[in-house]
Every structure is written in C-alpha cells, then in structure tokens.
C-alpha cells in the first residue's frame, strides 16, 4: 500500500486556496477525474480513479457498490480529508444539496416514454374515472406510470 501512497503523493499539487490536493497524473477521458494504475496489468492491476486510490491508500478498502465522493466538489482533488464514502443516491443528494444539478424531469429523461403534451390528456382521462390500465395501454407504458401521475408522484411540473 505504501507504493500506491508514494505514487499518489508524487503526483499532487497542493491548492493553497481550498486545501485540495490536485492530481497532476493521468486523467480519465471525458470525466475530469484523475486516474492511476493499481499495479501491473499482467498481475491483475487496473486503472481506477485517483480519488478512489487515495481513499484506499489512506483509509483502506472501499466496500462493493460504494463511491468515493468529494466534499470540495473538485474532481481532481485526492485529499483524503475532502473525500467521503456514499452510495450513488448519496452522491445525487449531495449534488442537489449543493445546487450543482437539477433532477432531470419529464421528456428530458432518456427513458421517458411520455411527453409533457401527454400529461393533461392523461389527467383528464383519470379524472373521468378511466382505469389506469386502459390509459397505460394507449400510451405504451406500465399502469404504475399512470398511477404515479394520478397520485402526483411524477410529472408534477407538467
């Protein structure tokens, strides 16, 4: 582990403003995160995020399914004091709490089958007592999707 720690420490540049340890090594294409090899590929080494490697080197293993998140929101930061563990949901909640993103709503979501134009008609049909299953069949969605609209859990903005 000290080899990994030494390699991490040799590739950082301290940021005097926020206390970040900025990664100066390789970067993951298109993500803005630093990357590092954990060892020889022939011996099972792999490329991982530099922030994940820093966590491992300073704090130990990362449980399966858990992410290493940044308190500082600086993708190149590998300062273990700025890192914490969380789930994908924790990451999204942290992002929203910090005002860094907005949840994707309605037809902007890549998996949406309905559009904002569909919703008023669906609501009219629901208010007239038409079964969710009938409406769902007409729109090619599961009746749970229509029920969620009826209950106000989805499509609140439309």
N, C-alpha and C. Protein backbone atom coordinates (compact mmCIF):
# COMPACT_ATOMS: atom_id res chain seq x y z
N UNK A 1 0.82 -1.20 0.00
CA UNK A 1 0.00 0.00 0.00
C UNK A 1 0.86 1.26 0.00
N UNK A 2 2.04 1.19 0.61
CA UNK A 2 2.89 2.38 0.64
C UNK A 2 3.36 2.75 -0.75
N UNK A 3 3.52 1.74 -1.64
CA UNK A 3 3.89 2.05 -3.02
C UNK A 3 2.80 2.91 -3.66
N UNK A 4 1.54 2.53 -3.48
CA UNK A 4 0.43 3.30 -4.03
C UNK A 4 0.40 4.69 -3.41
N UNK A 5 0.56 4.78 -2.12
CA UNK A 5 0.57 6.07 -1.44
C UNK A 5 1.70 6.94 -1.97
N UNK A 6 2.89 6.38 -2.10
CA UNK A 6 4.03 7.14 -2.63
C UNK A 6 3.74 7.64 -4.04
N UNK A 7 3.13 6.79 -4.87
CA UNK A 7 2.82 7.19 -6.24
C UNK A 7 1.79 8.31 -6.25
N UNK A 8 0.81 8.24 -5.36
CA UNK A 8 -0.20 9.30 -5.27
C UNK A 8 0.45 10.61 -4.84
N UNK A 9 1.21 10.55 -3.77
CA UNK A 9 1.82 11.77 -3.23
C UNK A 9 2.81 12.41 -4.20
N UNK A 10 3.38 11.62 -5.10
CA UNK A 10 4.32 12.18 -6.07
C UNK A 10 3.61 12.88 -7.23
N UNK A 11 2.27 12.73 -7.29
CA UNK A 11 1.51 13.31 -8.40
C UNK A 11 0.46 14.32 -7.93
N UNK A 12 0.73 15.00 -6.85
CA UNK A 12 -0.23 16.00 -6.37
C UNK A 12 0.43 17.37 -6.30
N UNK A 13 -0.42 18.37 -6.43
CA UNK A 13 0.00 19.76 -6.29
C UNK A 13 -0.98 20.39 -5.31
N UNK A 14 -0.50 20.84 -4.15
CA UNK A 14 -1.42 21.43 -3.17
C UNK A 14 -2.06 22.71 -3.70
N UNK A 15 -3.34 22.86 -3.44
CA UNK A 15 -4.08 24.07 -3.77
C UNK A 15 -4.16 24.89 -2.49
N UNK A 16 -3.51 26.02 -2.46
CA UNK A 16 -3.44 26.80 -1.23
C UNK A 16 -4.77 27.46 -0.88
N UNK A 17 -5.68 27.61 -1.82
CA UNK A 17 -6.96 28.25 -1.53
C UNK A 17 -7.91 27.36 -0.74
N UNK A 18 -8.14 26.15 -1.23
CA UNK A 18 -9.14 25.30 -0.59
C UNK A 18 -8.60 24.08 0.11
N UNK A 19 -7.31 23.90 0.09
CA UNK A 19 -6.73 22.74 0.73
C UNK A 19 -6.81 21.47 -0.08
N UNK A 20 -7.22 21.57 -1.34
CA UNK A 20 -7.27 20.39 -2.20
C UNK A 20 -5.86 19.94 -2.54
N UNK A 21 -5.75 18.64 -2.77
CA UNK A 21 -4.53 18.07 -3.33
C UNK A 21 -4.88 17.75 -4.77
N UNK A 22 -4.42 18.58 -5.68
CA UNK A 22 -4.81 18.44 -7.08
C UNK A 22 -3.96 17.39 -7.79
N UNK A 23 -4.61 16.46 -8.43
CA UNK A 23 -3.98 15.37 -9.14
C UNK A 23 -3.33 15.90 -10.41
N UNK A 24 -2.06 15.58 -10.61
CA UNK A 24 -1.33 16.03 -11.80
C UNK A 24 -1.00 14.86 -12.72
N UNK A 25 -1.40 13.66 -12.36
CA UNK A 25 -1.13 12.48 -13.18
C UNK A 25 -2.15 12.34 -14.29
N UNK A 26 -2.31 11.12 -14.77
CA UNK A 26 -3.21 10.81 -15.88
C UNK A 26 -4.66 11.14 -15.53
N UNK A 27 -5.46 11.34 -16.57
CA UNK A 27 -6.88 11.66 -16.41
C UNK A 27 -7.73 10.64 -17.15
N UNK A 28 -8.94 10.40 -16.63
CA UNK A 28 -9.89 9.55 -17.33
C UNK A 28 -10.51 10.38 -18.45
N UNK A 29 -10.53 9.83 -19.61
CA UNK A 29 -11.04 10.53 -20.77
C UNK A 29 -12.48 10.99 -20.57
N UNK A 30 -12.72 12.28 -20.75
CA UNK A 30 -14.07 12.83 -20.73
C UNK A 30 -14.73 13.01 -19.38
N UNK A 31 -14.07 12.66 -18.27
CA UNK A 31 -14.74 12.77 -16.97
C UNK A 31 -14.20 13.89 -16.10
N UNK A 32 -12.95 14.28 -16.29
CA UNK A 32 -12.33 15.28 -15.43
C UNK A 32 -11.74 14.70 -14.16
N UNK A 33 -11.82 13.38 -13.98
CA UNK A 33 -11.24 12.73 -12.81
C UNK A 33 -9.84 12.23 -13.14
N UNK A 34 -8.97 12.25 -12.13
CA UNK A 34 -7.65 11.67 -12.29
C UNK A 34 -7.74 10.16 -12.29
N UNK A 35 -6.69 9.52 -12.85
CA UNK A 35 -6.67 8.06 -12.85
C UNK A 35 -5.26 7.57 -12.56
N UNK A 36 -5.20 6.34 -12.05
CA UNK A 36 -3.92 5.73 -11.72
C UNK A 36 -4.03 4.22 -11.88
N UNK A 37 -2.93 3.60 -12.25
CA UNK A 37 -2.86 2.13 -12.32
C UNK A 37 -2.57 1.59 -10.92
N UNK A 38 -3.30 0.57 -10.53
CA UNK A 38 -3.09 -0.02 -9.20
C UNK A 38 -1.93 -0.99 -9.21
N UNK A 39 -1.43 -1.34 -10.36
CA UNK A 39 -0.31 -2.27 -10.48
C UNK A 39 -0.20 -2.74 -11.91
N UNK A 40 0.66 -3.69 -12.14
CA UNK A 40 0.87 -4.22 -13.48
C UNK A 40 -0.41 -4.89 -13.99
N UNK A 41 -0.78 -4.57 -15.22
CA UNK A 41 -1.97 -5.20 -15.81
C UNK A 41 -1.80 -6.72 -15.89
N UNK A 42 -0.58 -7.16 -16.15
CA UNK A 42 -0.32 -8.60 -16.23
C UNK A 42 -0.57 -9.29 -14.90
N UNK A 43 -0.45 -8.55 -13.81
CA UNK A 43 -0.64 -9.14 -12.48
C UNK A 43 -1.99 -8.77 -11.87
N UNK A 44 -2.90 -8.31 -12.71
CA UNK A 44 -4.25 -8.01 -12.23
C UNK A 44 -4.48 -6.56 -11.85
N UNK A 45 -3.51 -5.69 -12.11
CA UNK A 45 -3.71 -4.27 -11.83
C UNK A 45 -4.76 -3.67 -12.75
N UNK A 46 -5.33 -2.58 -12.32
CA UNK A 46 -6.36 -1.93 -13.12
C UNK A 46 -6.26 -0.42 -12.97
N UNK A 47 -6.89 0.29 -13.88
CA UNK A 47 -6.97 1.75 -13.80
C UNK A 47 -8.18 2.11 -12.96
N UNK A 48 -7.96 2.95 -11.94
CA UNK A 48 -9.07 3.41 -11.10
C UNK A 48 -8.94 4.92 -10.92
N UNK A 49 -9.99 5.53 -10.42
CA UNK A 49 -9.97 6.95 -10.15
C UNK A 49 -8.91 7.27 -9.10
N UNK A 50 -8.18 8.37 -9.31
CA UNK A 50 -7.14 8.76 -8.36
C UNK A 50 -7.73 9.04 -6.98
N UNK A 51 -8.94 9.59 -6.93
CA UNK A 51 -9.57 9.85 -5.63
C UNK A 51 -9.90 8.53 -4.91
N UNK A 52 -10.29 7.50 -5.67
CA UNK A 52 -10.54 6.18 -5.07
C UNK A 52 -9.24 5.58 -4.56
N UNK A 53 -8.17 5.72 -5.36
CA UNK A 53 -6.85 5.21 -4.95
C UNK A 53 -6.38 5.91 -3.69
N UNK A 54 -6.63 7.21 -3.60
CA UNK A 54 -6.23 7.97 -2.41
C UNK A 54 -6.98 7.46 -1.18
N UNK A 55 -8.28 7.20 -1.35
CA UNK A 55 -9.05 6.66 -0.23
C UNK A 55 -8.45 5.33 0.23
N UNK A 56 -8.20 4.45 -0.72
CA UNK A 56 -7.66 3.13 -0.40
C UNK A 56 -6.31 3.26 0.31
N UNK A 57 -5.45 4.10 -0.23
CA UNK A 57 -4.11 4.26 0.34
C UNK A 57 -4.13 4.88 1.74
N UNK A 58 -5.06 5.78 1.98
CA UNK A 58 -5.12 6.48 3.26
C UNK A 58 -6.07 5.84 4.28
N UNK A 59 -7.18 5.27 3.79
CA UNK A 59 -8.22 4.81 4.71
C UNK A 59 -8.54 3.33 4.63
N UNK A 60 -8.18 2.69 3.53
CA UNK A 60 -8.46 1.26 3.41
C UNK A 60 -9.45 0.95 2.30
N UNK A 61 -9.91 -0.30 2.26
CA UNK A 61 -10.78 -0.76 1.16
C UNK A 61 -12.10 0.01 1.08
N UNK A 62 -12.64 0.02 -0.12
CA UNK A 62 -13.94 0.64 -0.39
C UNK A 62 -14.94 -0.51 -0.55
N UNK A 63 -16.00 -0.54 0.24
CA UNK A 63 -16.99 -1.62 0.10
C UNK A 63 -17.60 -1.66 -1.30
N UNK A 64 -17.99 -2.83 -1.73
CA UNK A 64 -18.61 -3.00 -3.05
C UNK A 64 -19.84 -2.11 -3.17
N UNK A 65 -20.01 -1.49 -4.32
CA UNK A 65 -21.17 -0.65 -4.58
C UNK A 65 -21.11 0.73 -3.96
N UNK A 66 -20.00 1.06 -3.34
CA UNK A 66 -19.86 2.36 -2.67
C UNK A 66 -18.95 3.25 -3.50
N UNK A 67 -19.26 4.53 -3.51
CA UNK A 67 -18.49 5.52 -4.26
C UNK A 67 -17.67 6.37 -3.31
N UNK A 68 -16.63 6.97 -3.84
CA UNK A 68 -15.84 7.94 -3.09
C UNK A 68 -16.28 9.31 -3.59
N UNK A 69 -16.85 10.11 -2.69
CA UNK A 69 -17.43 11.41 -3.03
C UNK A 69 -16.52 12.54 -2.55
N UNK A 70 -16.67 13.70 -3.16
CA UNK A 70 -15.86 14.88 -2.82
C UNK A 70 -16.68 15.91 -2.03
N UNK A 71 -16.21 16.27 -0.85
CA UNK A 71 -16.83 17.38 -0.12
C UNK A 71 -16.58 18.70 -0.85
N UNK A 72 -15.40 18.79 -1.47
CA UNK A 72 -14.96 20.03 -2.10
C UNK A 72 -15.48 20.20 -3.53
N UNK A 73 -16.04 19.15 -4.11
CA UNK A 73 -16.56 19.17 -5.48
C UNK A 73 -15.48 19.44 -6.53
N UNK A 74 -14.23 19.13 -6.22
CA UNK A 74 -13.14 19.29 -7.17
C UNK A 74 -12.74 17.90 -7.63
N UNK A 75 -13.03 17.58 -8.88
CA UNK A 75 -12.81 16.22 -9.39
C UNK A 75 -11.36 15.77 -9.33
N UNK A 76 -10.43 16.70 -9.41
CA UNK A 76 -9.01 16.33 -9.36
C UNK A 76 -8.46 16.27 -7.94
N UNK A 77 -9.28 16.54 -6.94
CA UNK A 77 -8.81 16.51 -5.55
C UNK A 77 -8.68 15.07 -5.05
N UNK A 78 -7.54 14.79 -4.42
CA UNK A 78 -7.30 13.47 -3.83
C UNK A 78 -6.99 13.59 -2.33
N UNK A 79 -7.26 14.75 -1.75
CA UNK A 79 -7.04 14.95 -0.32
C UNK A 79 -8.03 14.09 0.46
N UNK A 80 -7.55 13.12 1.24
CA UNK A 80 -8.48 12.23 1.95
C UNK A 80 -9.41 12.97 2.91
N UNK A 81 -9.01 14.14 3.37
CA UNK A 81 -9.88 14.92 4.26
C UNK A 81 -11.08 15.50 3.50
N UNK A 82 -10.98 15.55 2.18
CA UNK A 82 -12.07 16.07 1.36
C UNK A 82 -12.95 14.97 0.78
N UNK A 83 -12.63 13.72 1.07
CA UNK A 83 -13.34 12.58 0.50
C UNK A 83 -14.21 11.90 1.55
N UNK A 84 -15.32 11.33 1.09
CA UNK A 84 -16.17 10.53 1.98
C UNK A 84 -16.84 9.45 1.14
N UNK A 85 -17.30 8.41 1.80
CA UNK A 85 -17.94 7.30 1.11
C UNK A 85 -19.45 7.49 1.07
N UNK A 86 -20.07 7.02 0.00
CA UNK A 86 -21.51 7.10 -0.11
C UNK A 86 -22.01 6.27 -1.28
N UNK A 87 -23.30 6.13 -1.35
CA UNK A 87 -23.94 5.40 -2.45
C UNK A 87 -24.15 6.35 -3.63
N UNK A 88 -24.62 5.80 -4.74
CA UNK A 88 -24.96 6.64 -5.89
C UNK A 88 -26.05 7.64 -5.50
N UNK A 89 -27.00 7.20 -4.68
CA UNK A 89 -28.07 8.10 -4.23
C UNK A 89 -27.50 9.21 -3.34
N UNK A 90 -26.57 8.86 -2.46
CA UNK A 90 -25.92 9.87 -1.62
C UNK A 90 -25.24 10.92 -2.51
N UNK A 91 -24.61 10.45 -3.58
CA UNK A 91 -23.91 11.34 -4.49
C UNK A 91 -24.89 12.31 -5.15
N UNK A 92 -26.03 11.79 -5.59
CA UNK A 92 -27.04 12.65 -6.23
C UNK A 92 -27.61 13.65 -5.23
N UNK A 93 -27.89 13.20 -4.01
CA UNK A 93 -28.43 14.11 -3.00
C UNK A 93 -27.42 15.19 -2.63
N UNK A 94 -26.15 14.81 -2.55
CA UNK A 94 -25.09 15.77 -2.26
C UNK A 94 -25.02 16.81 -3.38
N UNK A 95 -25.11 16.36 -4.61
CA UNK A 95 -25.08 17.26 -5.76
C UNK A 95 -26.24 18.25 -5.71
N UNK A 96 -27.43 17.76 -5.45
CA UNK A 96 -28.61 18.63 -5.40
C UNK A 96 -28.55 19.59 -4.22
N UNK A 97 -28.09 19.10 -3.06
CA UNK A 97 -27.96 19.96 -1.88
C UNK A 97 -27.03 21.13 -2.14
N UNK A 98 -26.00 20.88 -2.94
CA UNK A 98 -25.01 21.91 -3.24
C UNK A 98 -25.39 22.75 -4.45
N UNK A 99 -26.54 22.47 -5.03
CA UNK A 99 -27.02 23.26 -6.16
C UNK A 99 -26.24 23.04 -7.44
N UNK A 100 -25.60 21.88 -7.57
CA UNK A 100 -24.79 21.61 -8.75
C UNK A 100 -25.58 20.98 -9.88
N UNK A 101 -26.77 20.64 -9.65
CA UNK A 101 -27.53 19.99 -10.72
C UNK A 101 -29.00 20.04 -10.41
N UNK A 102 -29.76 19.78 -11.39
CA UNK A 102 -31.19 19.69 -11.21
C UNK A 102 -31.63 18.31 -11.65
N UNK A 103 -32.62 17.75 -10.98
CA UNK A 103 -33.08 16.44 -11.43
C UNK A 103 -33.64 16.54 -12.84
N UNK A 104 -33.42 15.52 -13.63
CA UNK A 104 -33.93 15.50 -14.99
C UNK A 104 -35.41 15.17 -14.92
N UNK A 105 -36.23 16.04 -15.51
CA UNK A 105 -37.67 15.87 -15.43
C UNK A 105 -38.27 15.56 -16.79
N UNK A 106 -39.37 14.86 -16.73
CA UNK A 106 -40.21 14.66 -17.91
C UNK A 106 -39.52 14.05 -19.10
N UNK A 107 -39.85 14.59 -20.27
CA UNK A 107 -39.34 14.02 -21.52
C UNK A 107 -37.85 14.26 -21.71
N UNK A 108 -37.22 15.08 -20.87
CA UNK A 108 -35.77 15.28 -20.94
C UNK A 108 -35.03 14.04 -20.44
N UNK A 109 -35.72 13.19 -19.68
CA UNK A 109 -35.10 11.96 -19.18
C UNK A 109 -34.98 10.97 -20.34
N UNK A 110 -33.84 10.34 -20.44
CA UNK A 110 -33.57 9.44 -21.57
C UNK A 110 -34.51 8.24 -21.64
N UNK A 111 -35.12 7.86 -20.53
CA UNK A 111 -36.01 6.70 -20.51
C UNK A 111 -37.49 7.06 -20.61
N UNK A 112 -37.80 8.36 -20.75
CA UNK A 112 -39.20 8.80 -20.77
C UNK A 112 -39.92 8.29 -22.01
N UNK A 113 -41.12 7.78 -21.80
CA UNK A 113 -41.97 7.36 -22.92
C UNK A 113 -43.10 8.36 -23.14
N UNK A 114 -43.37 9.16 -22.10
CA UNK A 114 -44.42 10.17 -22.19
C UNK A 114 -43.77 11.53 -22.42
N UNK A 115 -44.58 12.49 -22.87
CA UNK A 115 -44.11 13.86 -23.02
C UNK A 115 -45.00 14.78 -22.20
N UNK A 116 -44.55 16.00 -22.04
CA UNK A 116 -45.35 16.99 -21.31
C UNK A 116 -46.71 17.21 -21.97
N UNK A 117 -46.79 17.02 -23.28
CA UNK A 117 -48.07 17.20 -24.00
C UNK A 117 -49.05 16.08 -23.69
N UNK A 118 -48.56 14.90 -23.30
CA UNK A 118 -49.43 13.76 -22.98
C UNK A 118 -50.14 13.93 -21.64
N UNK A 119 -49.52 14.61 -20.71
CA UNK A 119 -49.98 14.61 -19.32
C UNK A 119 -51.36 15.23 -19.11
N UNK A 120 -51.67 16.40 -19.69
CA UNK A 120 -53.03 16.95 -19.46
C UNK A 120 -54.13 16.00 -19.91
N UNK A 121 -53.94 15.33 -21.06
CA UNK A 121 -54.93 14.38 -21.53
C UNK A 121 -55.06 13.17 -20.61
N UNK A 122 -53.93 12.72 -20.10
CA UNK A 122 -53.95 11.60 -19.15
C UNK A 122 -54.71 12.00 -17.90
N UNK A 123 -54.45 13.21 -17.41
CA UNK A 123 -55.16 13.68 -16.20
C UNK A 123 -56.66 13.81 -16.42
N UNK A 124 -57.05 14.25 -17.59
CA UNK A 124 -58.49 14.36 -17.90
C UNK A 124 -59.11 12.97 -17.89
N UNK A 125 -58.45 12.02 -18.51
CA UNK A 125 -58.97 10.65 -18.55
C UNK A 125 -59.03 10.05 -17.15
N UNK A 126 -58.03 10.33 -16.32
CA UNK A 126 -58.04 9.84 -14.94
C UNK A 126 -59.19 10.45 -14.15
N UNK A 127 -59.40 11.76 -14.31
CA UNK A 127 -60.47 12.44 -13.55
C UNK A 127 -61.86 11.97 -13.97
N UNK A 128 -61.96 11.43 -15.19
CA UNK A 128 -63.26 10.91 -15.63
C UNK A 128 -63.49 9.48 -15.15
N UNK A 129 -62.49 8.92 -14.44
CA UNK A 129 -62.65 7.59 -13.86
C UNK A 129 -62.14 6.45 -14.72
N UNK A 130 -61.49 6.78 -15.82
CA UNK A 130 -60.96 5.71 -16.69
C UNK A 130 -59.86 4.95 -15.95
N UNK A 131 -59.83 3.63 -16.07
CA UNK A 131 -58.81 2.83 -15.38
C UNK A 131 -57.39 3.13 -15.87
N UNK A 132 -56.45 3.08 -14.95
CA UNK A 132 -55.04 3.30 -15.28
C UNK A 132 -54.56 2.32 -16.34
N UNK A 133 -55.05 1.09 -16.27
CA UNK A 133 -54.60 0.06 -17.22
C UNK A 133 -54.97 0.42 -18.66
N UNK A 134 -56.14 0.99 -18.86
CA UNK A 134 -56.59 1.38 -20.19
C UNK A 134 -55.74 2.52 -20.74
N UNK A 135 -55.49 3.51 -19.91
CA UNK A 135 -54.68 4.66 -20.33
C UNK A 135 -53.25 4.20 -20.61
N UNK A 136 -52.73 3.37 -19.72
CA UNK A 136 -51.36 2.87 -19.88
C UNK A 136 -51.22 2.13 -21.20
N UNK A 137 -52.20 1.32 -21.54
CA UNK A 137 -52.17 0.56 -22.79
C UNK A 137 -52.10 1.49 -24.00
N UNK A 138 -52.88 2.57 -23.97
CA UNK A 138 -52.90 3.53 -25.09
C UNK A 138 -51.56 4.25 -25.26
N UNK A 139 -50.84 4.45 -24.16
CA UNK A 139 -49.57 5.19 -24.23
C UNK A 139 -48.34 4.29 -24.22
N UNK A 140 -48.56 2.99 -24.15
CA UNK A 140 -47.43 2.06 -24.18
C UNK A 140 -46.55 2.11 -22.95
N UNK A 141 -47.17 2.37 -21.79
CA UNK A 141 -46.42 2.41 -20.53
C UNK A 141 -47.08 1.46 -19.53
N UNK A 142 -46.38 1.18 -18.47
CA UNK A 142 -46.91 0.35 -17.39
C UNK A 142 -47.98 1.14 -16.64
N UNK A 143 -48.99 0.45 -16.12
CA UNK A 143 -50.04 1.18 -15.40
C UNK A 143 -49.51 1.85 -14.14
N UNK A 144 -48.36 1.40 -13.61
CA UNK A 144 -47.74 2.07 -12.46
C UNK A 144 -47.35 3.50 -12.81
N UNK A 145 -46.94 3.72 -14.07
CA UNK A 145 -46.56 5.07 -14.51
C UNK A 145 -47.78 5.99 -14.49
N UNK A 146 -48.91 5.47 -14.92
CA UNK A 146 -50.14 6.27 -14.93
C UNK A 146 -50.62 6.51 -13.49
N UNK A 147 -50.53 5.48 -12.66
CA UNK A 147 -50.91 5.61 -11.26
C UNK A 147 -50.04 6.66 -10.55
N UNK A 148 -48.76 6.71 -10.89
CA UNK A 148 -47.86 7.70 -10.28
C UNK A 148 -48.26 9.11 -10.69
N UNK A 149 -48.74 9.29 -11.91
CA UNK A 149 -49.24 10.60 -12.35
C UNK A 149 -50.50 10.93 -11.56
N UNK A 150 -51.41 9.95 -11.43
CA UNK A 150 -52.67 10.15 -10.69
C UNK A 150 -52.41 10.58 -9.26
N UNK A 151 -51.41 9.96 -8.62
CA UNK A 151 -51.09 10.26 -7.22
C UNK A 151 -50.21 11.50 -7.04
N UNK A 152 -49.76 12.07 -8.16
CA UNK A 152 -48.93 13.28 -8.09
C UNK A 152 -47.48 13.01 -7.73
N UNK A 153 -47.02 11.78 -7.91
CA UNK A 153 -45.62 11.45 -7.61
C UNK A 153 -44.70 11.76 -8.77
N UNK A 154 -45.24 11.80 -9.98
CA UNK A 154 -44.43 12.11 -11.16
C UNK A 154 -45.14 13.15 -12.01
N UNK A 155 -44.41 13.76 -12.89
CA UNK A 155 -44.93 14.76 -13.83
C UNK A 155 -45.62 15.93 -13.15
N UNK A 156 -45.14 16.30 -11.96
CA UNK A 156 -45.73 17.44 -11.23
C UNK A 156 -45.55 18.74 -12.01
N UNK A 157 -44.47 18.82 -12.78
CA UNK A 157 -44.16 20.05 -13.50
C UNK A 157 -45.01 20.25 -14.75
N UNK A 158 -45.71 19.21 -15.20
CA UNK A 158 -46.46 19.31 -16.47
C UNK A 158 -47.92 19.61 -16.23
